[in-house]
Amino acid sequence: MKLKKILIIICILIFLFGIIGSLYLILNPHSQKVNIIQNGKILYTIDLEKSENRIIEVEYKDSKNIIEIKNHKIFMADAECPDHICIKMGELKSGIPIVCLPNKLVIEFTETNEIDAEVK
């Protein structure tokens, strides 16, 4: 009976560590490079580590989004959309992108396509 309890506790711990590890990998970006994408087209690729403070204006039809890079962080400063959810998302700090659906704009970390090793 005691052995069953120990095995159950070990299985629960392994499961919890797996969930925590998965969330860490999903929510923490591996890169500081950011893509600003509108309607499926990459408009800008920015390395936040090397970028200086700046403001980027992106227009879509009759509306405009203002993206700000400040202290190596990027966020939606202003948007001419009805709901302003993209502004409420705050700075981009995880694997979850900033999205402005009405203006078809996405700010997301890029995927790193660096090769660690090559097999011949």
C-alpha atoms as a PDB file:
ATOM      1  CA  MET A   1       0.000   0.000   0.000  1.00  0.00           C
ATOM      2  CA  LYS A   2       2.839   2.366   0.878  1.00  0.00           C
ATOM      3  CA  LEU A   3       4.606   1.613  -2.420  1.00  0.00           C
ATOM      4  CA  LYS A   4       1.451   2.523  -4.389  1.00  0.00           C
ATOM      5  CA  LYS A   5       1.242   5.911  -2.659  1.00  0.00           C
ATOM      6  CA  ILE A   6       4.899   6.644  -3.410  1.00  0.00           C
ATOM      7  CA  LEU A   7       4.442   5.686  -7.082  1.00  0.00           C
ATOM      8  CA  ILE A   8       1.323   7.869  -7.350  1.00  0.00           C
ATOM      9  CA  ILE A   9       3.162  10.846  -5.817  1.00  0.00           C
ATOM     10  CA  ILE A  10       6.115  10.354  -8.196  1.00  0.00           C
ATOM     11  CA  CYS A  11       3.756  10.195 -11.204  1.00  0.00           C
ATOM     12  CA  ILE A  12       1.957  13.362 -10.084  1.00  0.00           C
ATOM     13  CA  LEU A  13       5.285  15.190  -9.645  1.00  0.00           C
ATOM     14  CA  ILE A  14       6.498  14.114 -13.096  1.00  0.00           C
ATOM     15  CA  PHE A  15       3.186  15.262 -14.596  1.00  0.00           C
ATOM     16  CA  LEU A  16       3.376  18.656 -12.840  1.00  0.00           C
ATOM     17  CA  PHE A  17       6.996  19.237 -13.902  1.00  0.00           C
ATOM     18  CA  GLY A  18       6.002  18.370 -17.472  1.00  0.00           C
ATOM     19  CA  ILE A  19       3.193  20.929 -17.460  1.00  0.00           C
ATOM     20  CA  ILE A  20       5.392  23.629 -15.888  1.00  0.00           C
ATOM     21  CA  GLY A  21       8.179  22.951 -18.379  1.00  0.00           C
ATOM     22  CA  SER A  22       5.788  23.067 -21.326  1.00  0.00           C
ATOM     23  CA  LEU A  23       4.292  26.367 -20.183  1.00  0.00           C
ATOM     24  CA  TYR A  24       7.772  27.828 -19.725  1.00  0.00           C
ATOM     25  CA  LEU A  25       8.758  26.873 -23.277  1.00  0.00           C
ATOM     26  CA  ILE A  26       5.520  28.206 -24.756  1.00  0.00           C
ATOM     27  CA  LEU A  27       5.362  31.484 -22.858  1.00  0.00           C
ATOM     28  CA  ASN A  28       9.052  32.479 -22.881  1.00  0.00           C
ATOM     29  CA  PRO A  29      10.452  33.455 -26.264  1.00  0.00           C
ATOM     30  CA  HIS A  30      13.816  32.083 -27.349  1.00  0.00           C
ATOM     31  CA  SER A  31      14.557  35.137 -29.430  1.00  0.00           C
ATOM     32  CA  GLN A  32      14.291  38.893 -29.094  1.00  0.00           C
ATOM     33  CA  LYS A  33      13.505  39.277 -32.796  1.00  0.00           C
ATOM     34  CA  VAL A  34       9.979  40.447 -33.529  1.00  0.00           C
ATOM     35  CA  ASN A  35       7.915  40.376 -36.711  1.00  0.00           C
ATOM     36  CA  ILE A  36       5.242  42.961 -37.400  1.00  0.00           C
ATOM     37  CA  ILE A  37       2.830  41.312 -39.813  1.00  0.00           C
ATOM     38  CA  GLN A  38      -0.165  42.782 -41.576  1.00  0.00           C
ATOM     39  CA  ASN A  39      -2.571  40.696 -43.597  1.00  0.00           C
ATOM     40  CA  GLY A  40      -0.030  37.841 -43.739  1.00  0.00           C
ATOM     41  CA  LYS A  41       2.839  40.028 -45.012  1.00  0.00           C
ATOM     42  CA  ILE A  42       5.883  40.766 -42.838  1.00  0.00           C
ATOM     43  CA  LEU A  43       6.272  44.544 -42.700  1.00  0.00           C
ATOM     44  CA  TYR A  44       9.143  44.755 -40.202  1.00  0.00           C
ATOM     45  CA  THR A  45      11.557  42.401 -38.486  1.00  0.00           C
ATOM     46  CA  ILE A  46      13.104  44.047 -35.443  1.00  0.00           C
ATOM     47  CA  ASP A  47      15.746  42.842 -33.004  1.00  0.00           C
ATOM     48  CA  LEU A  48      14.591  44.287 -29.672  1.00  0.00           C
ATOM     49  CA  GLU A  49      18.032  43.827 -28.103  1.00  0.00           C
ATOM     50  CA  LYS A  50      19.609  46.151 -30.684  1.00  0.00           C
ATOM     51  CA  SER A  51      16.674  48.452 -31.366  1.00  0.00           C
ATOM     52  CA  GLU A  52      16.535  52.011 -30.131  1.00  0.00           C
ATOM     53  CA  ASN A  53      13.375  53.687 -28.871  1.00  0.00           C
ATOM     54  CA  ARG A  54      11.098  54.455 -31.809  1.00  0.00           C
ATOM     55  CA  ILE A  55       7.524  54.691 -33.003  1.00  0.00           C
ATOM     56  CA  ILE A  56       6.155  52.788 -36.004  1.00  0.00           C
ATOM     57  CA  GLU A  57       2.900  53.751 -37.699  1.00  0.00           C
ATOM     58  CA  VAL A  58       1.046  51.084 -39.644  1.00  0.00           C
ATOM     59  CA  GLU A  59      -1.984  52.029 -41.711  1.00  0.00           C
ATOM     60  CA  TYR A  60      -4.808  49.793 -42.863  1.00  0.00           C
ATOM     61  CA  LYS A  61      -7.600  51.250 -44.969  1.00  0.00           C
ATOM     62  CA  ASP A  62      -8.849  54.279 -43.000  1.00  0.00           C
ATOM     63  CA  SER A  63      -7.275  53.420 -39.638  1.00  0.00           C
ATOM     64  CA  LYS A  64      -3.839  53.502 -38.085  1.00  0.00           C
ATOM     65  CA  ASN A  65      -1.945  51.577 -35.405  1.00  0.00           C
ATOM     66  CA  ILE A  66       0.950  53.116 -33.513  1.00  0.00           C
ATOM     67  CA  ILE A  67       3.533  50.630 -32.287  1.00  0.00           C
ATOM     68  CA  GLU A  68       6.135  51.786 -29.800  1.00  0.00           C
ATOM     69  CA  ILE A  69       9.515  50.306 -28.982  1.00  0.00           C
ATOM     70  CA  LYS A  70      10.784  51.590 -25.661  1.00  0.00           C
ATOM     71  CA  ASN A  71      13.596  50.197 -23.486  1.00  0.00           C
ATOM     72  CA  HIS A  72      13.879  47.085 -25.708  1.00  0.00           C
ATOM     73  CA  LYS A  73      10.159  46.271 -25.296  1.00  0.00           C
ATOM     74  CA  ILE A  74       7.427  46.548 -27.914  1.00  0.00           C
ATOM     75  CA  PHE A  75       3.749  47.345 -27.422  1.00  0.00           C
ATOM     76  CA  MET A  76       0.739  48.829 -29.188  1.00  0.00           C
ATOM     77  CA  ALA A  77       0.618  52.471 -28.058  1.00  0.00           C
ATOM     78  CA  ASP A  78      -2.526  53.482 -29.957  1.00  0.00           C
ATOM     79  CA  ALA A  79      -4.987  51.965 -32.384  1.00  0.00           C
ATOM     80  CA  GLU A  80      -7.940  53.209 -34.368  1.00  0.00           C
ATOM     81  CA  CYS A  81     -10.035  50.113 -33.860  1.00  0.00           C
ATOM     82  CA  PRO A  82     -13.304  49.803 -31.949  1.00  0.00           C
ATOM     83  CA  ASP A  83     -12.255  47.467 -29.123  1.00  0.00           C
ATOM     84  CA  HIS A  84      -8.602  48.405 -28.316  1.00  0.00           C
ATOM     85  CA  ILE A  85      -7.855  44.860 -27.164  1.00  0.00           C
ATOM     86  CA  CYS A  86      -4.419  45.112 -28.780  1.00  0.00           C
ATOM     87  CA  ILE A  87      -3.554  48.071 -26.523  1.00  0.00           C
ATOM     88  CA  LYS A  88      -4.860  46.294 -23.415  1.00  0.00           C
ATOM     89  CA  MET A  89      -2.551  43.323 -24.120  1.00  0.00           C
ATOM     90  CA  GLY A  90       0.411  45.456 -23.020  1.00  0.00           C
ATOM     91  CA  GLU A  91       3.961  44.705 -24.038  1.00  0.00           C
ATOM     92  CA  LEU A  92       4.959  41.624 -25.973  1.00  0.00           C
ATOM     93  CA  LYS A  93       6.645  39.447 -23.379  1.00  0.00           C
ATOM     94  CA  SER A  94       5.694  35.879 -24.154  1.00  0.00           C
ATOM     95  CA  GLY A  95       4.900  33.528 -26.977  1.00  0.00           C
ATOM     96  CA  ILE A  96       1.405  35.028 -27.157  1.00  0.00           C
ATOM     97  CA  PRO A  97       1.297  37.647 -29.953  1.00  0.00           C
ATOM     98  CA  ILE A  98      -0.306  41.082 -29.858  1.00  0.00           C
ATOM     99  CA  VAL A  99      -3.169  41.018 -32.364  1.00  0.00           C
ATOM    100  CA  CYS A 100      -5.374  43.778 -33.789  1.00  0.00           C
ATOM    101  CA  LEU A 101      -8.028  41.847 -35.710  1.00  0.00           C
ATOM    102  CA  PRO A 102      -9.868  44.812 -37.265  1.00  0.00           C
ATOM    103  CA  ASN A 103      -6.603  46.114 -38.758  1.00  0.00           C
ATOM    104  CA  LYS A 104      -5.227  42.625 -39.517  1.00  0.00           C
ATOM    105  CA  LEU A 105      -2.032  43.361 -37.590  1.00  0.00           C
ATOM    106  CA  VAL A 106       0.077  40.910 -35.575  1.00  0.00           C
ATOM    107  CA  ILE A 107       3.207  41.512 -33.494  1.00  0.00           C
ATOM    108  CA  GLU A 108       4.984  38.285 -32.568  1.00  0.00           C
ATOM    109  CA  PHE A 109       8.373  36.873 -31.717  1.00  0.00           C
ATOM    110  CA  THR A 110      10.060  35.202 -34.673  1.00  0.00           C
ATOM    111  CA  GLU A 111      10.843  31.538 -34.699  1.00  0.00           C
ATOM    112  CA  THR A 112      14.547  30.840 -34.492  1.00  0.00           C
ATOM    113  CA  ASN A 113      15.631  28.778 -37.460  1.00  0.00           C
ATOM    114  CA  GLU A 114      19.239  28.483 -36.401  1.00  0.00           C
ATOM    115  CA  ILE A 115      20.835  25.104 -36.951  1.00  0.00           C
ATOM    116  CA  ASP A 116      22.384  23.609 -33.823  1.00  0.00           C
ATOM    117  CA  ALA A 117      23.959  20.625 -35.558  1.00  0.00           C
ATOM    118  CA  GLU A 118      24.126  19.057 -38.962  1.00  0.00           C
ATOM    119  CA  VAL A 119      24.001  15.333 -39.658  1.00  0.00           C
ATOM    120  CA  LYS A 120      25.788  13.988 -42.731  1.00  0.00           C
END
